[in-house]
Amino acid sequence: MTLAGFLAYSAALAIAAAIPGPGVTALVARALGSGFRSALAMSFGLVVGDLTYLTAVVLGLALVAQTFGAVFLVIKWLGVAYLSWLAWSFWKSGITPETVEARKGKGGLFASFLAGLTVTLGNPKTMIFYLALTPTLVDLRTITFADYAILAGLTVVVLLVVLVPYLALAAKARWFLKTPRALKALNRTAAAFMAGAALAIASRQ
């Protein structure tokens, strides 16, 4: 892989991670309900979940990428459709004070870590990123172990850089993120980013 390829992957991952979805919603709720340390443990779980998908794509889908290009074409358009639906959902409602309250976390740090891992592994938005977008950024037919190691390191760094400010803000400004106006702004911004991501995936060859 080239430097441009690594930068493109990092930028796409940063945008995808910054878009509020099930993972960010759960993380904000954890920070609101249980504080910074618990939310940080959950963020590590989210990161491990992403690494799981990255590994699966690199190891398990390399052969598919070589012989079944149509499979990725179908996945690509399913991803576009799903992101478009998410954009509409967040524009209409998105994160509400009720959903945040319902997702407050309980338990210790390990429970928070497992919650983050579970959320990521069951998050369609994460699946779509790694199954639909990553193959357009990474040539799975020629990727080496060194390339994978760099991608894994970039994944950890990018996700923590994006997620930690979320949980820090939520932990420090609980009253602000619970206000309807702030949540509405967050939802509308998320909808715009999701729509942009859908267009970006649709336009890529």
Protein backbone atom coordinates (compact mmCIF):
# COMPACT_ATOMS: atom_id res chain seq x y z
CA MET A 1 0.00 0.00 0.00
CA THR A 2 1.04 3.59 -0.59
CA LEU A 3 1.02 6.53 1.81
CA ALA A 4 -1.97 7.93 -0.08
CA GLY A 5 -3.83 4.67 0.48
CA PHE A 6 -3.18 4.72 4.21
CA LEU A 7 -4.25 8.36 4.42
CA ALA A 8 -7.45 7.65 2.48
CA TYR A 9 -8.28 4.75 4.79
CA SER A 10 -7.59 6.84 7.90
CA ALA A 11 -9.73 9.73 6.65
CA ALA A 12 -12.63 7.46 5.71
CA LEU A 13 -12.45 5.67 9.07
CA ALA A 14 -12.34 8.97 10.97
CA ILE A 15 -15.45 10.22 9.17
CA ALA A 16 -17.27 6.92 9.68
CA ALA A 17 -16.36 6.83 13.38
CA ALA A 18 -17.38 10.46 13.92
CA ILE A 19 -20.85 9.88 12.49
CA PRO A 20 -23.13 9.21 15.48
CA GLY A 21 -24.51 5.70 15.23
CA PRO A 22 -25.23 2.84 17.65
CA GLY A 23 -21.62 2.85 18.89
CA VAL A 24 -21.39 6.57 19.56
CA THR A 25 -24.90 6.59 21.05
CA ALA A 26 -23.96 3.83 23.49
CA LEU A 27 -20.66 5.55 24.28
CA VAL A 28 -22.31 8.90 25.01
CA ALA A 29 -24.94 7.17 27.14
CA ARG A 30 -22.21 5.35 29.09
CA ALA A 31 -20.35 8.62 29.69
CA LEU A 32 -23.56 10.37 30.74
CA GLY A 33 -24.54 7.61 33.10
CA SER A 34 -21.26 6.21 34.41
CA GLY A 35 -18.52 8.77 33.78
CA PHE A 36 -15.25 8.95 31.86
CA ARG A 37 -13.47 5.74 32.99
CA SER A 38 -16.38 3.47 32.19
CA ALA A 39 -16.88 5.10 28.79
CA LEU A 40 -13.15 4.82 28.04
CA ALA A 41 -13.30 1.08 28.75
CA MET A 42 -16.25 0.85 26.37
CA SER A 43 -14.28 2.71 23.69
CA PHE A 44 -11.55 0.04 23.89
CA GLY A 45 -14.25 -2.56 23.28
CA LEU A 46 -15.41 -0.61 20.24
CA VAL A 47 -11.83 -0.54 18.93
CA VAL A 48 -11.36 -4.30 19.37
CA GLY A 49 -14.62 -4.86 17.50
CA ASP A 50 -13.35 -2.78 14.58
CA LEU A 51 -10.07 -4.69 14.56
CA THR A 52 -12.07 -7.92 14.42
CA TYR A 53 -13.87 -6.75 11.27
CA LEU A 54 -10.66 -5.44 9.70
CA THR A 55 -8.97 -8.79 10.29
CA ALA A 56 -11.92 -10.69 8.87
CA VAL A 57 -11.94 -8.55 5.75
CA VAL A 58 -8.20 -8.88 5.17
CA LEU A 59 -8.00 -12.61 5.88
CA GLY A 60 -11.39 -13.92 4.93
CA LEU A 61 -12.41 -11.76 1.99
CA ALA A 62 -9.14 -11.51 0.07
CA LEU A 63 -9.98 -14.60 -2.01
CA VAL A 64 -13.52 -13.39 -2.56
CA ALA A 65 -12.21 -10.06 -3.77
CA GLN A 66 -10.12 -11.81 -6.40
CA THR A 67 -12.88 -13.92 -7.89
CA PHE A 68 -16.26 -12.53 -6.89
CA GLY A 69 -16.20 -8.82 -7.63
CA ALA A 70 -19.98 -8.82 -8.05
CA VAL A 71 -20.36 -9.72 -4.37
CA PHE A 72 -18.67 -6.48 -3.35
CA LEU A 73 -20.77 -4.56 -5.85
CA VAL A 74 -23.94 -5.84 -4.18
CA ILE A 75 -22.53 -5.10 -0.72
CA LYS A 76 -21.56 -1.62 -1.89
CA TRP A 77 -25.11 -0.72 -2.92
CA LEU A 78 -26.59 -2.30 0.18
CA GLY A 79 -24.24 -0.06 2.13
CA VAL A 80 -25.38 2.98 0.19
CA ALA A 81 -29.02 2.11 0.88
CA TYR A 82 -28.37 1.52 4.59
CA LEU A 83 -26.45 4.78 5.05
CA SER A 84 -29.20 6.66 3.23
CA TRP A 85 -31.77 5.13 5.57
CA LEU A 86 -29.63 6.07 8.58
CA ALA A 87 -29.37 9.65 7.30
CA TRP A 88 -33.16 9.87 7.04
CA SER A 89 -33.64 8.29 10.49
CA PHE A 90 -31.24 10.70 12.19
CA TRP A 91 -32.78 13.67 10.39
CA LYS A 92 -36.23 12.68 11.62
CA SER A 93 -35.37 11.65 15.19
CA GLY A 94 -31.93 10.17 15.93
CA ILE A 95 -30.57 10.31 19.47
CA THR A 96 -33.16 11.52 21.98
CA PRO A 97 -32.95 12.11 25.73
CA GLU A 98 -35.05 8.96 26.16
CA THR A 99 -32.68 6.72 24.17
CA VAL A 100 -29.66 8.13 25.99
CA GLU A 101 -31.33 7.52 29.33
CA ALA A 102 -32.23 3.97 28.31
CA ARG A 103 -28.63 3.15 27.39
CA LYS A 104 -26.96 4.24 30.58
CA GLY A 105 -24.48 1.58 31.56
CA LYS A 106 -23.99 -0.30 34.80
CA GLY A 107 -21.25 -2.61 35.95
CA GLY A 108 -17.47 -2.48 36.07
CA LEU A 109 -14.82 -1.65 33.51
CA PHE A 110 -14.77 -5.15 32.02
CA ALA A 111 -18.54 -5.03 31.58
CA SER A 112 -18.13 -1.71 29.78
CA PHE A 113 -15.44 -3.21 27.53
CA LEU A 114 -17.69 -6.15 26.63
CA ALA A 115 -20.58 -3.78 25.99
CA GLY A 116 -18.45 -1.82 23.52
CA LEU A 117 -17.28 -5.00 21.79
CA THR A 118 -20.84 -6.32 21.53
CA VAL A 119 -22.17 -3.03 20.17
CA THR A 120 -19.52 -2.93 17.43
CA LEU A 121 -19.86 -6.56 16.38
CA GLY A 122 -23.62 -6.09 16.04
CA ASN A 123 -23.45 -2.63 14.45
CA PRO A 124 -24.53 -2.62 10.77
CA LYS A 125 -22.77 0.71 10.22
CA THR A 126 -19.43 -0.88 11.15
CA MET A 127 -20.13 -3.90 8.96
CA ILE A 128 -20.94 -1.66 6.01
CA PHE A 129 -17.74 0.33 6.43
CA TYR A 130 -15.47 -2.70 6.40
CA LEU A 131 -17.39 -4.75 3.84
CA ALA A 132 -18.41 -2.00 1.41
CA LEU A 133 -15.93 0.83 1.76
CA THR A 134 -12.66 -0.79 2.82
CA PRO A 135 -12.34 -2.91 -0.37
CA THR A 136 -12.55 0.31 -2.41
CA LEU A 137 -9.66 1.81 -0.41
CA VAL A 138 -7.50 -1.27 0.14
CA ASP A 139 -6.43 -3.69 -2.59
CA LEU A 140 -7.16 -6.96 -0.79
CA ARG A 141 -5.41 -8.95 -3.53
CA THR A 142 -1.99 -7.46 -2.82
CA ILE A 143 -2.11 -6.51 0.86
CA THR A 144 0.86 -7.74 2.93
CA PHE A 145 1.19 -8.50 6.63
CA ALA A 146 3.10 -5.24 7.07
CA ASP A 147 0.23 -3.38 5.39
CA TYR A 148 -2.26 -5.07 7.71
CA ALA A 149 -0.18 -4.17 10.78
CA ILE A 150 -0.10 -0.52 9.71
CA LEU A 151 -3.84 -0.55 9.03
CA ALA A 152 -4.51 -2.08 12.46
CA GLY A 153 -2.34 0.56 14.15
CA LEU A 154 -4.05 3.34 12.23
CA THR A 155 -7.44 1.91 13.19
CA VAL A 156 -6.61 2.04 16.90
CA VAL A 157 -5.19 5.56 16.74
CA VAL A 158 -7.95 7.03 14.57
CA LEU A 159 -10.78 5.52 16.60
CA LEU A 160 -9.36 6.69 19.92
CA VAL A 161 -8.70 10.17 18.54
CA VAL A 162 -12.32 10.37 17.36
CA LEU A 163 -14.09 8.62 20.24
CA VAL A 164 -12.25 9.98 23.30
CA PRO A 165 -13.39 13.60 22.71
CA TYR A 166 -16.96 12.33 22.44
CA LEU A 167 -16.86 10.61 25.81
CA ALA A 168 -14.85 13.40 27.44
CA LEU A 169 -17.41 15.98 26.31
CA ALA A 170 -20.29 13.81 27.44
CA ALA A 171 -18.69 13.19 30.83
CA LYS A 172 -17.88 16.86 31.40
CA ALA A 173 -20.96 18.45 29.88
CA ARG A 174 -23.75 16.05 30.76
CA TRP A 175 -26.32 18.79 31.11
CA PHE A 176 -25.57 20.16 27.62
CA LEU A 177 -25.85 16.89 25.70
CA LYS A 178 -29.17 16.15 27.36
CA THR A 179 -30.80 19.30 25.96
CA PRO A 180 -33.11 18.79 22.96
CA ARG A 181 -31.42 21.58 20.98
CA ALA A 182 -27.94 20.03 21.31
CA LEU A 183 -29.21 16.57 20.42
CA LYS A 184 -31.08 17.96 17.40
CA ALA A 185 -27.90 19.63 16.13
CA LEU A 186 -25.99 16.39 16.66
CA ASN A 187 -28.65 14.40 14.78
CA ARG A 188 -28.81 16.80 11.83
CA THR A 189 -25.01 16.84 11.53
CA ALA A 190 -24.95 13.04 11.65
CA ALA A 191 -27.62 12.86 8.94
CA ALA A 192 -25.60 15.14 6.67
CA PHE A 193 -22.43 13.09 7.14
CA MET A 194 -24.28 9.82 6.51
CA ALA A 195 -25.80 11.15 3.32
CA GLY A 196 -22.36 12.35 2.23
CA ALA A 197 -20.86 8.95 3.00
CA ALA A 198 -23.57 7.23 0.96
CA LEU A 199 -22.84 9.50 -2.01
CA ALA A 200 -19.08 8.93 -1.64
CA ILE A 201 -19.49 5.15 -1.68
CA ALA A 202 -21.91 5.28 -4.60
CA SER A 203 -19.51 7.41 -6.66
CA ARG A 204 -16.44 5.23 -6.11
CA GLN A 205 -15.54 2.74 -8.83
